[in-house]
């Protein structure tokens, strides 16, 4: 049975992005009105896993399949701030590169869900 959250630790350095959703309305006289669509920012994480054993890849694949790619959410603890985030896979695809017998490279993009 697959795990319900991502426990495989990524390599350092990984990317973290914070984004807001601002709606901009432009008027005929050239002025703008801006308003926030979200009360809080959303985070995106790009994680890299290099030279990993097949067991790490198998754990991530099992989670990916159980969540049906980008459909389901799960929890991930950010090693930088030790905060647990509710996230989902950003895309419906997961690829890996077999570098040697039982050694793999793969990447993930996670999107915070509210």
C-alpha atoms as a PDB file:
ATOM      1  CA  UNK A   1       0.000   0.000   0.000  1.00  0.00           C
ATOM      2  CA  UNK A   2       1.509   3.383  -0.996  1.00  0.00           C
ATOM      3  CA  UNK A   3       2.246   6.111   1.523  1.00  0.00           C
ATOM      4  CA  UNK A   4      -0.107   9.064   1.813  1.00  0.00           C
ATOM      5  CA  UNK A   5       2.665  11.649   1.838  1.00  0.00           C
ATOM      6  CA  UNK A   6       6.065  12.270   0.277  1.00  0.00           C
ATOM      7  CA  UNK A   7       8.830  11.180   2.639  1.00  0.00           C
ATOM      8  CA  UNK A   8      11.782  10.831   0.233  1.00  0.00           C
ATOM      9  CA  UNK A   9      14.084  13.795   0.890  1.00  0.00           C
ATOM     10  CA  UNK A  10      15.130  15.892  -2.139  1.00  0.00           C
ATOM     11  CA  UNK A  11      18.658  16.979  -2.935  1.00  0.00           C
ATOM     12  CA  UNK A  12      19.789  20.447  -1.994  1.00  0.00           C
ATOM     13  CA  UNK A  13      19.494  22.940  -3.609  1.00  0.00           C
ATOM     14  CA  UNK A  14      15.830  22.855  -4.647  1.00  0.00           C
ATOM     15  CA  UNK A  15      13.691  25.704  -5.931  1.00  0.00           C
ATOM     16  CA  UNK A  16      10.901  27.352  -3.963  1.00  0.00           C
ATOM     17  CA  UNK A  17       8.620  29.974  -5.487  1.00  0.00           C
ATOM     18  CA  UNK A  18       5.932  32.074  -3.789  1.00  0.00           C
ATOM     19  CA  UNK A  19       3.172  33.456  -5.983  1.00  0.00           C
ATOM     20  CA  UNK A  20       0.115  35.664  -5.616  1.00  0.00           C
ATOM     21  CA  UNK A  21      -2.814  36.034  -8.001  1.00  0.00           C
ATOM     22  CA  UNK A  22      -3.485  39.714  -8.681  1.00  0.00           C
ATOM     23  CA  UNK A  23      -6.327  40.775 -10.971  1.00  0.00           C
ATOM     24  CA  UNK A  24      -5.553  43.933 -12.950  1.00  0.00           C
ATOM     25  CA  UNK A  25      -8.434  45.885 -14.530  1.00  0.00           C
ATOM     26  CA  UNK A  26      -7.348  48.558 -17.015  1.00  0.00           C
ATOM     27  CA  UNK A  27      -9.682  51.412 -17.794  1.00  0.00           C
ATOM     28  CA  UNK A  28     -10.004  53.555 -20.929  1.00  0.00           C
ATOM     29  CA  UNK A  29      -8.415  56.574 -19.229  1.00  0.00           C
ATOM     30  CA  UNK A  30      -5.221  54.555 -18.529  1.00  0.00           C
ATOM     31  CA  UNK A  31      -5.767  53.955 -14.823  1.00  0.00           C
ATOM     32  CA  UNK A  32      -5.669  50.517 -13.261  1.00  0.00           C
ATOM     33  CA  UNK A  33      -7.457  48.826 -10.428  1.00  0.00           C
ATOM     34  CA  UNK A  34      -5.661  45.943  -8.713  1.00  0.00           C
ATOM     35  CA  UNK A  35      -7.111  43.390  -6.352  1.00  0.00           C
ATOM     36  CA  UNK A  36      -5.874  40.168  -4.895  1.00  0.00           C
ATOM     37  CA  UNK A  37      -7.739  36.997  -5.745  1.00  0.00           C
ATOM     38  CA  UNK A  38      -6.044  35.029  -2.942  1.00  0.00           C
ATOM     39  CA  UNK A  39      -5.769  35.981   0.717  1.00  0.00           C
ATOM     40  CA  UNK A  40      -2.516  34.011   1.084  1.00  0.00           C
ATOM     41  CA  UNK A  41       0.299  33.188  -1.332  1.00  0.00           C
ATOM     42  CA  UNK A  42       0.734  29.770  -2.913  1.00  0.00           C
ATOM     43  CA  UNK A  43       4.071  27.965  -3.055  1.00  0.00           C
ATOM     44  CA  UNK A  44       5.619  25.892  -5.805  1.00  0.00           C
ATOM     45  CA  UNK A  45       8.521  23.539  -5.163  1.00  0.00           C
ATOM     46  CA  UNK A  46      10.846  22.058  -7.787  1.00  0.00           C
ATOM     47  CA  UNK A  47      12.665  19.084  -6.287  1.00  0.00           C
ATOM     48  CA  UNK A  48      15.611  17.160  -7.729  1.00  0.00           C
ATOM     49  CA  UNK A  49      16.646  13.634  -6.837  1.00  0.00           C
ATOM     50  CA  UNK A  50      20.082  12.574  -8.159  1.00  0.00           C
ATOM     51  CA  UNK A  51      21.835   9.201  -7.934  1.00  0.00           C
ATOM     52  CA  UNK A  52      18.971   7.620  -6.028  1.00  0.00           C
ATOM     53  CA  UNK A  53      18.378   3.914  -5.429  1.00  0.00           C
ATOM     54  CA  UNK A  54      15.441   2.178  -7.070  1.00  0.00           C
ATOM     55  CA  UNK A  55      13.647   2.106  -3.693  1.00  0.00           C
ATOM     56  CA  UNK A  56      13.390   5.938  -3.672  1.00  0.00           C
ATOM     57  CA  UNK A  57      12.021   5.963  -7.214  1.00  0.00           C
ATOM     58  CA  UNK A  58       9.580   3.154  -6.365  1.00  0.00           C
ATOM     59  CA  UNK A  59       8.252   5.111  -3.355  1.00  0.00           C
ATOM     60  CA  UNK A  60       7.718   8.273  -5.407  1.00  0.00           C
ATOM     61  CA  UNK A  61       6.124   6.311  -8.258  1.00  0.00           C
ATOM     62  CA  UNK A  62       3.748   4.560  -5.855  1.00  0.00           C
ATOM     63  CA  UNK A  63       2.649   7.920  -4.449  1.00  0.00           C
ATOM     64  CA  UNK A  64       2.314   9.394  -7.953  1.00  0.00           C
ATOM     65  CA  UNK A  65       0.136   6.493  -9.121  1.00  0.00           C
ATOM     66  CA  UNK A  66      -1.983   6.456  -5.942  1.00  0.00           C
ATOM     67  CA  UNK A  67      -2.709  10.189  -6.330  1.00  0.00           C
ATOM     68  CA  UNK A  68      -3.373   9.766 -10.079  1.00  0.00           C
ATOM     69  CA  UNK A  69      -0.738  12.341 -10.967  1.00  0.00           C
ATOM     70  CA  UNK A  70      -1.919  15.914 -10.399  1.00  0.00           C
ATOM     71  CA  UNK A  71      -5.379  14.851  -9.210  1.00  0.00           C
ATOM     72  CA  UNK A  72      -4.883  14.052  -5.531  1.00  0.00           C
ATOM     73  CA  UNK A  73      -3.166  16.001  -2.777  1.00  0.00           C
ATOM     74  CA  UNK A  74      -0.791  14.807  -0.067  1.00  0.00           C
ATOM     75  CA  UNK A  75       1.553  16.223   2.559  1.00  0.00           C
ATOM     76  CA  UNK A  76       5.219  17.131   2.180  1.00  0.00           C
ATOM     77  CA  UNK A  77       7.521  18.582   4.844  1.00  0.00           C
ATOM     78  CA  UNK A  78       9.864  21.250   3.525  1.00  0.00           C
ATOM     79  CA  UNK A  79      13.348  20.534   4.926  1.00  0.00           C
ATOM     80  CA  UNK A  80      14.217  24.259   4.812  1.00  0.00           C
ATOM     81  CA  UNK A  81      11.549  25.411   7.272  1.00  0.00           C
ATOM     82  CA  UNK A  82      10.205  22.085   8.679  1.00  0.00           C
ATOM     83  CA  UNK A  83       6.672  23.166   7.721  1.00  0.00           C
ATOM     84  CA  UNK A  84       4.287  20.523   6.407  1.00  0.00           C
ATOM     85  CA  UNK A  85       2.493  21.677   3.241  1.00  0.00           C
ATOM     86  CA  UNK A  86      -0.560  20.211   1.519  1.00  0.00           C
ATOM     87  CA  UNK A  87       0.628  19.798  -2.080  1.00  0.00           C
ATOM     88  CA  UNK A  88      -0.130  18.020  -5.328  1.00  0.00           C
ATOM     89  CA  UNK A  89       2.014  17.067  -8.287  1.00  0.00           C
ATOM     90  CA  UNK A  90       2.012  19.968 -10.746  1.00  0.00           C
ATOM     91  CA  UNK A  91       1.758  17.736 -13.810  1.00  0.00           C
ATOM     92  CA  UNK A  92       0.352  14.351 -14.760  1.00  0.00           C
ATOM     93  CA  UNK A  93       3.737  13.049 -15.916  1.00  0.00           C
ATOM     94  CA  UNK A  94       6.670  11.549 -14.023  1.00  0.00           C
ATOM     95  CA  UNK A  95       9.853  10.544 -15.798  1.00  0.00           C
ATOM     96  CA  UNK A  96      13.144   9.143 -14.576  1.00  0.00           C
ATOM     97  CA  UNK A  97      16.607   8.546 -15.981  1.00  0.00           C
ATOM     98  CA  UNK A  98      18.381   5.239 -15.322  1.00  0.00           C
ATOM     99  CA  UNK A  99      22.063   6.204 -14.860  1.00  0.00           C
ATOM    100  CA  UNK A 100      23.426   2.827 -13.795  1.00  0.00           C
ATOM    101  CA  UNK A 101      22.070  -0.449 -12.519  1.00  0.00           C
ATOM    102  CA  UNK A 102      19.577   0.540  -9.803  1.00  0.00           C
ATOM    103  CA  UNK A 103      20.586   4.237  -9.803  1.00  0.00           C
ATOM    104  CA  UNK A 104      18.162   6.922 -11.006  1.00  0.00           C
ATOM    105  CA  UNK A 105      17.695  10.661 -11.469  1.00  0.00           C
ATOM    106  CA  UNK A 106      14.244  12.246 -11.392  1.00  0.00           C
ATOM    107  CA  UNK A 107      12.563  15.591 -10.713  1.00  0.00           C
ATOM    108  CA  UNK A 108       9.221  16.694  -9.273  1.00  0.00           C
ATOM    109  CA  UNK A 109       7.249  19.914  -9.249  1.00  0.00           C
ATOM    110  CA  UNK A 110       4.850  20.284  -6.336  1.00  0.00           C
ATOM    111  CA  UNK A 111       2.132  22.925  -6.055  1.00  0.00           C
ATOM    112  CA  UNK A 112       0.667  23.965  -2.707  1.00  0.00           C
ATOM    113  CA  UNK A 113      -3.072  23.488  -2.392  1.00  0.00           C
ATOM    114  CA  UNK A 114      -5.346  25.468  -0.071  1.00  0.00           C
END
